[in-house]
Amino acid sequence: MESESVTTPFGRRPMSLALLLKQRRGEAMAAGTTRNKWKLFRSVCEARAGLGVTDRALTVLDALLSFYPEDELSSEKGLVVFPSNTQLSLRARGMAAATLRRHLAVLVEAGLISRKDSPNGKRYVRRGRAGGIDEAYGFSLAPLLARAIEIEAMAASIAVDRQMLRAMKERLTICRRDIAKLIAAAAEEAVPGEWERVASLFHALLQRIPKAATLENLPPLLEELETIRLGIINTLESHEKTQIASSNESQSERHIQNSNPESLSESEPALERTQEARRDQPAVGQESHKQGRRGDGRQEVRADARLDSARLKSFSLATVLRACPDIAGYGPGGTVANGRDLMAAAMVVRTMLGVSASAYEEAMAMMGPENTAIVMACILERAEQINSPGGYLRDLTRRARMGEFALGPMLMALLRLKGRSSGGIDA
């Protein structure tokens, strides 16, 4: 839909080429485009940093949306709202007139709204004989609707980055705790090693952790900390194995000495020593069992780490896109080039299919962000056959928790339906 004429600003506000381009872009959208205005507003709030708007400007946008009579913004209907300054100020939490004008200008500059000024600069509506709106002058919400896909993709990308950063911070916290306690345990049990040097290196790394952590500055530090932790665990396990081997060797030597007939006489004291030696053997076994249990604790930690790593393993992006080509259209710029794009597209699809945030977060906690994004791609591919995408995702999460669900069969079934050969699976 394109406007038939250019709307120039009223009064002293100048016209510019940038303003003209924003008007054209805001009014050029696909026919039938609709969005729930409050869901779209939440996406704008999520993508606030990328759009270059302030929280006060969002308050004004919230007030403008409240004047639109329906919940669904539609390209087939008028998108101009025409509140008076007094009413707009009241719905903007009593914002002063000068402040209101400043933040309206911010929204126009950000390309979220446009002005449609009347000949005298007033905001009003002209109705026909049937009561319908023939012409309205005020603020147009068309740019907001026209940029809906862009805004939703931006919000999804920011949400994915925030999720990844939060997971990285959690890993960093656990790694710091593990290193500190393992060093303390090694010192308490007098395990041979250069623990002072390790502790000094550990504290030096802690000093390098930035206050403002990002996805760019945190991964190298986390990798160094995990290397230190792995080195400590290997040293402790080597010590445990040496201790267990030494205990077993001592037990075997005592058994040989006590079973040697030449070392025993027929006197009663010798028999007592033999019985004492036999009573000592279970004690040695128990000590070995205790040491084994201490080793099992560390083995469990490593097993958990291996489990977490296995949970992140998934299918190659090429395989996913062959099985679920529809997801590509929801990525940033209409393409999915990597895993982060896939997760961002899945967040957009989640909103579009009406899957609740709680159901999606529960799935990510169980299956991981990457696998959950692949599941959403599969659900999108079969959207016409699924009555409740949110309920279906919850059921898959429950089955995954019980060990009854795997991604492989789902993807392979979609590949077979499309008549394509399967392949590109990452072990």
Protein backbone atom coordinates (compact mmCIF):
# COMPACT_ATOMS: atom_id res chain seq x y z
CA MET A 1 0.00 0.00 0.00
CA GLU A 2 1.49 3.36 -1.02
CA SER A 3 0.26 6.81 -0.26
CA GLU A 4 -0.95 8.91 -3.15
CA SER A 5 0.65 12.10 -1.85
CA VAL A 6 3.47 13.24 0.37
CA THR A 7 2.58 14.62 3.79
CA THR A 8 4.81 17.56 4.63
CA PRO A 9 5.15 18.85 8.20
CA PHE A 10 3.04 21.74 9.43
CA GLY A 11 4.57 24.98 10.66
CA ARG A 12 8.31 25.47 11.03
CA ARG A 13 9.27 21.81 10.91
CA PRO A 14 11.30 21.30 7.71
CA MET A 15 10.87 18.54 5.16
CA SER A 16 13.85 16.29 4.42
CA LEU A 17 14.69 13.42 2.11
CA ALA A 18 15.09 11.10 5.14
CA LEU A 19 11.58 12.01 6.30
CA LEU A 20 10.19 11.31 2.83
CA LEU A 21 11.89 7.90 2.70
CA LYS A 22 10.56 6.99 6.14
CA GLN A 23 7.04 7.93 5.06
CA ARG A 24 7.31 5.79 1.95
CA ARG A 25 8.79 2.83 3.81
CA GLY A 26 6.14 3.12 6.50
CA GLU A 27 3.28 3.08 4.04
CA ALA A 28 4.66 0.37 1.74
CA MET A 29 3.67 -2.96 3.29
CA ALA A 30 2.24 -6.23 2.08
CA ALA A 31 -1.52 -6.37 1.77
CA GLY A 32 -3.19 -8.16 4.65
CA THR A 33 -0.40 -7.45 7.14
CA THR A 34 -1.76 -7.61 10.69
CA ARG A 35 -0.25 -7.69 14.18
CA ASN A 36 -1.58 -7.59 17.71
CA LYS A 37 -0.60 -4.11 18.78
CA TRP A 38 0.39 -5.06 22.34
CA LYS A 39 2.52 -8.02 21.26
CA LEU A 40 4.23 -5.80 18.72
CA PHE A 41 4.76 -3.17 21.41
CA ARG A 42 6.47 -5.77 23.62
CA SER A 43 8.79 -6.57 20.71
CA VAL A 44 9.57 -2.86 20.37
CA CYS A 45 10.41 -2.74 24.08
CA GLU A 46 12.68 -5.77 23.67
CA ALA A 47 14.45 -4.22 20.68
CA ARG A 48 14.62 -0.74 22.24
CA ALA A 49 18.42 -0.48 22.10
CA GLY A 50 18.56 -1.45 18.42
CA LEU A 51 15.79 0.98 17.48
CA GLY A 52 17.37 3.92 19.29
CA VAL A 53 14.39 4.88 21.44
CA THR A 54 14.21 5.72 25.14
CA ASP A 55 11.91 4.37 27.81
CA ARG A 56 10.06 7.71 27.90
CA ALA A 57 9.51 7.53 24.14
CA LEU A 58 8.07 4.03 24.64
CA THR A 59 5.65 5.51 27.18
CA VAL A 60 4.40 7.90 24.49
CA LEU A 61 4.11 5.04 21.95
CA ASP A 62 2.13 3.04 24.52
CA ALA A 63 -0.25 6.01 24.90
CA LEU A 64 -0.65 6.36 21.12
CA LEU A 65 -1.47 2.66 20.73
CA SER A 66 -4.15 2.97 23.40
CA PHE A 67 -6.01 5.41 21.13
CA TYR A 68 -6.21 2.84 18.34
CA PRO A 69 -9.67 1.29 18.82
CA GLU A 70 -8.83 -2.34 17.97
CA ASP A 71 -6.25 -4.80 19.24
CA GLU A 72 -5.18 -5.81 15.72
CA LEU A 73 -3.23 -3.34 13.61
CA SER A 74 -4.21 -3.98 9.99
CA SER A 75 -2.94 -2.61 6.70
CA GLU A 76 -6.51 -2.78 5.39
CA LYS A 77 -7.75 -0.25 7.95
CA GLY A 78 -6.83 3.28 8.86
CA LEU A 79 -3.80 3.47 11.11
CA VAL A 80 -3.99 7.16 12.05
CA VAL A 81 -4.74 8.16 15.67
CA PHE A 82 -5.69 11.74 16.46
CA PRO A 83 -5.62 12.41 20.23
CA SER A 84 -5.48 15.93 21.58
CA ASN A 85 -2.37 17.03 23.45
CA THR A 86 -4.33 17.01 26.71
CA GLN A 87 -5.59 13.42 26.31
CA LEU A 88 -2.24 12.19 25.05
CA SER A 89 -0.49 13.77 28.03
CA LEU A 90 -2.91 12.09 30.47
CA ARG A 91 -2.34 8.63 28.97
CA ALA A 92 1.42 9.27 28.92
CA ARG A 93 1.42 9.35 32.74
CA GLY A 94 0.96 13.15 32.90
CA MET A 95 3.99 13.95 30.75
CA ALA A 96 4.60 17.67 30.23
CA ALA A 97 3.75 19.10 26.81
CA ALA A 98 7.34 20.03 25.94
CA THR A 99 8.59 16.58 26.96
CA LEU A 100 5.77 14.97 25.00
CA ARG A 101 6.74 16.83 21.82
CA ARG A 102 10.39 15.84 22.27
CA HIS A 103 9.62 12.13 22.55
CA LEU A 104 7.15 12.21 19.68
CA ALA A 105 10.01 13.56 17.58
CA VAL A 106 12.17 10.64 18.78
CA LEU A 107 9.53 8.13 17.62
CA VAL A 108 9.29 9.84 14.24
CA GLU A 109 13.08 9.90 13.89
CA ALA A 110 13.25 6.19 14.79
CA GLY A 111 10.76 5.41 12.03
CA LEU A 112 8.09 3.96 14.31
CA ILE A 113 5.38 6.56 13.62
CA SER A 114 4.87 9.36 11.09
CA ARG A 115 2.99 12.61 11.21
CA LYS A 116 -0.02 13.25 9.03
CA ASP A 117 -0.59 16.95 9.56
CA SER A 118 -3.82 18.71 8.63
CA PRO A 119 -3.90 22.08 6.79
CA ASN A 120 -4.06 23.94 10.09
CA GLY A 121 -1.86 21.57 12.08
CA LYS A 122 -4.72 20.28 14.24
CA ARG A 123 -5.52 16.62 14.80
CA TYR A 124 -9.02 15.65 13.82
CA VAL A 125 -11.11 13.21 11.81
CA ARG A 126 -13.61 13.81 9.01
CA ARG A 127 -16.45 11.30 8.85
CA GLY A 128 -18.78 10.43 5.98
CA ARG A 129 -22.55 10.16 6.00
CA ALA A 130 -22.42 6.52 7.07
CA GLY A 131 -20.28 7.40 10.09
CA GLY A 132 -17.08 5.96 8.70
CA ILE A 133 -13.78 7.81 8.66
CA ASP A 134 -13.12 9.59 5.38
CA GLU A 135 -9.95 11.40 6.43
CA ALA A 136 -7.91 11.53 9.66
CA TYR A 137 -5.06 13.79 10.64
CA GLY A 138 -2.69 12.95 13.49
CA PHE A 139 -0.04 10.25 13.97
CA SER A 140 0.15 7.25 11.64
CA LEU A 141 1.08 3.83 13.07
CA ALA A 142 1.75 2.48 9.57
CA PRO A 143 5.58 2.58 9.96
CA LEU A 144 5.31 0.44 13.10
CA LEU A 145 3.24 -2.20 11.30
CA ALA A 146 5.39 -2.07 8.16
CA ARG A 147 8.51 -2.84 10.24
CA ALA A 148 6.85 -5.59 12.28
CA ILE A 149 8.97 -8.43 10.88
CA GLU A 150 12.18 -6.43 11.29
CA ILE A 151 11.30 -5.45 14.86
CA GLU A 152 10.32 -9.01 15.83
CA ALA A 153 13.54 -10.41 14.36
CA MET A 154 15.59 -7.78 16.21
CA ALA A 155 13.78 -8.56 19.47
CA ALA A 156 14.29 -12.30 18.98
CA SER A 157 18.01 -11.82 18.30
CA ILE A 158 18.40 -9.72 21.45
CA ALA A 159 16.50 -12.32 23.46
CA VAL A 160 18.75 -15.11 22.15
CA ASP A 161 21.88 -13.12 22.98
CA ARG A 162 20.55 -12.44 26.48
CA GLN A 163 19.79 -16.14 26.97
CA MET A 164 23.26 -17.15 25.79
CA LEU A 165 24.91 -14.52 28.01
CA ARG A 166 22.92 -15.68 31.03
CA ALA A 167 23.92 -19.31 30.40
CA MET A 168 27.55 -18.25 30.01
CA LYS A 169 27.45 -16.32 33.30
CA GLU A 170 26.00 -19.38 35.04
CA ARG A 171 28.80 -21.56 33.66
CA LEU A 172 31.33 -18.96 34.82
CA THR A 173 29.90 -18.92 38.35
CA ILE A 174 29.94 -22.72 38.61
CA CYS A 175 33.47 -22.87 37.22
CA ARG A 176 34.71 -20.28 39.76
CA ARG A 177 33.10 -22.21 42.60
CA ASP A 178 34.52 -25.55 41.43
CA ILE A 179 38.08 -24.21 41.13
CA ALA A 180 38.03 -22.51 44.53
CA LYS A 181 36.70 -25.59 46.35
CA LEU A 182 38.91 -28.06 44.50
CA ILE A 183 42.04 -26.04 45.34
CA ALA A 184 40.96 -25.91 48.98
CA ALA A 185 40.36 -29.69 49.01
CA ALA A 186 43.76 -30.35 47.45
CA ALA A 187 45.51 -28.19 50.04
CA GLU A 188 43.61 -29.77 52.94
CA GLU A 189 44.44 -33.32 51.85
CA ALA A 190 48.06 -32.42 51.03
CA VAL A 191 47.84 -33.51 47.41
CA PRO A 192 51.18 -32.89 45.66
CA GLY A 193 51.03 -30.03 43.16
CA GLU A 194 51.85 -26.39 42.48
CA TRP A 195 48.69 -25.17 44.17
CA GLU A 196 50.03 -21.72 45.06
CA ARG A 197 50.80 -21.04 41.41
CA VAL A 198 47.37 -22.37 40.34
CA ALA A 199 45.64 -20.21 42.97
CA SER A 200 47.60 -17.15 41.86
CA LEU A 201 46.68 -17.75 38.21
CA PHE A 202 43.03 -18.27 39.22
CA HIS A 203 42.85 -14.97 41.12
CA ALA A 204 44.54 -13.13 38.26
CA LEU A 205 41.83 -14.40 35.89
CA LEU A 206 39.12 -13.30 38.29
CA GLN A 207 40.52 -9.78 38.23
CA ARG A 208 40.14 -9.73 34.43
CA ILE A 209 36.39 -10.47 34.47
CA PRO A 210 34.72 -7.26 33.24
CA LYS A 211 31.87 -5.62 35.10
CA ALA A 212 29.91 -5.31 31.87
CA ALA A 213 30.06 -8.87 30.52
CA THR A 214 29.23 -9.42 26.84
CA LEU A 215 29.21 -12.31 24.40
CA GLU A 216 32.51 -10.97 23.03
CA ASN A 217 34.60 -10.50 26.18
CA LEU A 218 33.36 -13.42 28.33
CA PRO A 219 34.07 -16.60 26.25
CA PRO A 220 37.92 -16.32 26.30
CA LEU A 221 37.97 -15.96 30.11
CA LEU A 222 35.52 -18.81 30.55
CA GLU A 223 37.67 -21.05 28.35
CA GLU A 224 40.77 -20.30 30.46
CA LEU A 225 38.90 -21.00 33.70
CA GLU A 226 37.55 -24.30 32.37
CA THR A 227 41.09 -25.29 31.34
CA ILE A 228 42.30 -24.63 34.89
CA ARG A 229 39.43 -26.63 36.35
CA LEU A 230 40.12 -29.57 34.03
CA GLY A 231 43.80 -29.52 34.98
CA ILE A 232 42.94 -29.60 38.71
CA ILE A 233 40.50 -32.49 38.24
CA ASN A 234 43.08 -34.49 36.26
CA THR A 235 45.70 -33.92 38.98
CA LEU A 236 43.32 -35.02 41.75
CA GLU A 237 42.21 -38.09 39.81
CA SER A 238 45.82 -39.10 39.17
CA HIS A 239 46.51 -38.76 42.89
CA GLU A 240 43.47 -40.89 43.75
CA LYS A 241 44.51 -43.60 41.30
CA THR A 242 48.01 -43.66 42.81
CA GLN A 243 46.57 -43.96 46.31
CA ILE A 244 44.19 -46.76 45.31
CA ALA A 245 46.97 -48.64 43.51
CA SER A 246 49.23 -48.27 46.56
CA SER A 247 46.50 -49.57 48.90
CA ASN A 248 45.83 -52.58 46.67
CA GLU A 249 49.55 -53.37 46.47
CA SER A 250 49.85 -53.19 50.28
CA GLN A 251 46.84 -55.48 50.70
CA SER A 252 48.23 -58.04 48.26
CA GLU A 253 51.64 -58.01 50.01
CA ARG A 254 50.03 -58.58 53.43
CA HIS A 255 47.98 -61.46 52.08
CA ILE A 256 51.10 -63.16 50.68
CA GLN A 257 52.98 -62.77 53.98
CA ASN A 258 50.14 -64.18 56.07
CA SER A 259 49.64 -67.17 53.77
CA ASN A 260 53.30 -68.21 53.82
CA PRO A 261 53.50 -71.49 55.84
CA GLU A 262 57.19 -70.97 56.61
CA SER A 263 56.48 -67.78 58.53
CA LEU A 264 54.06 -69.52 60.91
CA SER A 265 54.75 -71.91 63.75
CA GLU A 266 52.29 -74.12 65.56
CA SER A 267 52.30 -71.85 68.61
CA GLU A 268 49.13 -70.11 69.70
CA PRO A 269 50.56 -66.53 69.50
CA ALA A 270 51.35 -67.11 65.84
CA LEU A 271 47.74 -68.17 65.23
CA GLU A 272 46.53 -64.96 66.92
CA ARG A 273 48.72 -62.89 64.61
CA THR A 274 47.24 -64.75 61.61
CA GLN A 275 43.69 -64.03 62.79
CA GLU A 276 44.54 -60.35 63.37
CA ALA A 277 45.97 -60.15 59.87
CA ARG A 278 42.74 -61.63 58.50
CA ARG A 279 40.69 -59.11 60.48
CA ASP A 280 42.85 -56.30 59.03
CA GLN A 281 41.98 -57.23 55.44
CA PRO A 282 38.35 -55.95 55.46
CA ALA A 283 39.59 -52.66 56.95
CA VAL A 284 41.90 -52.19 53.99
CA GLY A 285 39.00 -52.98 51.64
CA GLN A 286 36.79 -50.49 53.39
CA GLU A 287 39.47 -47.79 53.09
CA SER A 288 39.74 -48.49 49.37
CA HIS A 289 35.95 -48.31 49.13
CA LYS A 290 35.96 -44.89 50.83
CA GLN A 291 38.65 -43.64 48.49
CA GLY A 292 36.65 -45.03 45.58
CA ARG A 293 33.62 -43.12 46.78
CA ARG A 294 35.63 -39.87 46.87
CA GLY A 295 36.73 -40.60 43.32
CA ASP A 296 33.12 -41.34 42.31
CA GLY A 297 32.12 -37.80 43.35
CA ARG A 298 34.58 -36.31 40.93
CA GLN A 299 33.56 -38.82 38.25
CA GLU A 300 29.95 -37.70 38.70
CA VAL A 301 31.01 -34.08 38.13
CA ARG A 302 32.73 -35.08 34.91
CA ALA A 303 29.75 -37.23 33.88
CA ASP A 304 27.44 -34.25 34.40
CA ALA A 305 29.77 -32.12 32.28
CA ARG A 306 29.71 -34.75 29.54
CA LEU A 307 25.92 -34.91 29.76
CA ASP A 308 25.62 -31.13 29.40
CA SER A 309 27.92 -31.24 26.40
CA ALA A 310 25.93 -34.07 24.83
CA ARG A 311 22.70 -32.17 25.27
CA LEU A 312 24.07 -29.35 23.12
CA LYS A 313 24.93 -31.67 20.24
CA SER A 314 22.39 -31.37 17.47
CA PHE A 315 21.89 -31.69 13.76
CA SER A 316 23.75 -29.67 11.19
CA LEU A 317 22.11 -26.46 10.02
CA ALA A 318 21.97 -27.79 6.46
CA THR A 319 19.97 -30.82 7.60
CA VAL A 320 17.55 -28.66 9.58
CA LEU A 321 16.99 -26.30 6.64
CA ARG A 322 16.43 -29.21 4.24
CA ALA A 323 13.82 -30.67 6.56
CA CYS A 324 12.30 -27.32 7.63
CA PRO A 325 12.82 -24.73 4.86
CA ASP A 326 10.01 -22.47 6.11
CA ILE A 327 12.03 -21.33 9.17
CA ALA A 328 14.52 -19.50 6.94
CA GLY A 329 12.01 -16.77 6.12
CA TYR A 330 11.84 -15.72 9.77
CA GLY A 331 15.56 -15.20 10.31
CA PRO A 332 17.27 -11.80 10.37
CA GLY A 333 17.01 -10.40 6.84
CA GLY A 334 14.89 -13.36 5.76
CA THR A 335 17.74 -15.88 5.95
CA VAL A 336 19.23 -18.32 8.45
CA ALA A 337 23.01 -18.45 8.09
CA ASN A 338 24.05 -19.89 11.48
CA GLY A 339 22.81 -21.27 14.77
CA ARG A 340 22.16 -17.85 16.28
CA ASP A 341 19.98 -16.89 13.29
CA LEU A 342 18.05 -20.14 13.74
CA MET A 343 17.39 -19.39 17.42
CA ALA A 344 16.32 -15.83 16.58
CA ALA A 345 13.94 -17.14 13.90
CA ALA A 346 12.52 -19.66 16.39
CA MET A 347 11.72 -16.85 18.82
CA VAL A 348 9.78 -15.03 16.06
CA VAL A 349 7.93 -18.24 15.18
CA ARG A 350 7.12 -18.80 18.85
CA THR A 351 5.36 -15.44 18.99
CA MET A 352 3.60 -16.01 15.68
CA LEU A 353 2.26 -19.46 16.65
CA GLY A 354 1.14 -18.25 20.07
CA VAL A 355 3.50 -20.46 22.10
CA SER A 356 3.79 -19.03 25.61
CA ALA A 357 7.13 -17.79 26.94
CA SER A 358 6.90 -20.22 29.88
CA ALA A 359 6.47 -23.24 27.58
CA TYR A 360 9.44 -22.13 25.47
CA GLU A 361 11.68 -21.49 28.49
CA GLU A 362 10.76 -24.90 29.94
CA ALA A 363 11.70 -26.53 26.64
CA MET A 364 15.05 -24.68 26.52
CA ALA A 365 15.82 -25.74 30.09
CA MET A 366 15.16 -29.38 29.17
CA MET A 367 16.50 -29.64 25.60
CA GLY A 368 18.79 -26.61 25.29
CA PRO A 369 18.30 -23.46 23.14
CA GLU A 370 19.62 -25.04 19.92
CA ASN A 371 17.47 -28.16 20.07
CA THR A 372 14.41 -26.14 21.07
CA ALA A 373 14.92 -23.92 18.02
CA ILE A 374 15.02 -27.03 15.80
CA VAL A 375 11.82 -28.33 17.42
CA MET A 376 10.12 -24.97 16.70
CA ALA A 377 11.25 -25.25 13.06
CA CYS A 378 9.62 -28.70 12.86
CA ILE A 379 6.43 -27.41 14.49
CA LEU A 380 6.30 -24.55 11.95
CA GLU A 381 6.68 -27.04 9.11
CA ARG A 382 3.66 -28.99 10.41
CA ALA A 383 1.69 -25.99 11.72
CA GLU A 384 -1.39 -26.83 9.67
CA GLN A 385 -1.61 -30.27 11.30
CA ILE A 386 -1.05 -29.11 14.90
CA ASN A 387 -4.03 -27.62 16.72
CA SER A 388 -2.08 -26.24 19.70
CA PRO A 389 1.64 -25.59 19.05
CA GLY A 390 2.15 -24.58 22.68
CA GLY A 391 0.56 -27.76 24.04
CA TYR A 392 2.51 -29.83 21.53
CA LEU A 393 5.81 -28.25 22.65
CA ARG A 394 4.97 -28.93 26.31
CA ASP A 395 4.21 -32.57 25.46
CA LEU A 396 7.55 -32.93 23.64
CA THR A 397 9.31 -31.38 26.64
CA ARG A 398 7.62 -33.87 28.97
CA ARG A 399 8.61 -36.76 26.73
CA ALA A 400 12.19 -35.47 26.54
CA ARG A 401 12.31 -35.32 30.33
CA MET A 402 11.26 -39.00 30.44
CA GLY A 403 13.80 -39.94 27.79
CA GLU A 404 11.09 -40.79 25.24
CA PHE A 405 11.79 -38.09 22.63
CA ALA A 406 14.62 -37.58 20.16
CA LEU A 407 15.02 -35.05 17.37
CA GLY A 408 16.37 -37.50 14.82
CA PRO A 409 13.14 -39.33 13.94
CA MET A 410 11.19 -36.05 13.71
CA LEU A 411 13.67 -34.51 11.24
CA MET A 412 14.03 -37.71 9.23
CA ALA A 413 10.24 -37.98 8.90
CA LEU A 414 10.10 -34.44 7.49
CA LEU A 415 12.94 -35.23 5.08
CA ARG A 416 11.13 -38.34 3.86
CA LEU A 417 7.93 -36.36 3.37
CA LYS A 418 9.82 -33.90 1.17
CA GLY A 419 11.37 -36.73 -0.79
CA ARG A 420 14.90 -35.78 0.17
CA SER A 421 17.66 -38.02 1.41
CA SER A 422 18.78 -37.55 5.01
CA GLY A 423 22.35 -36.58 5.87
CA GLY A 424 24.68 -34.10 7.57
CA ILE A 425 24.11 -35.37 11.06
CA ASP A 426 26.61 -34.23 13.65
CA ALA A 427 27.58 -37.05 15.96
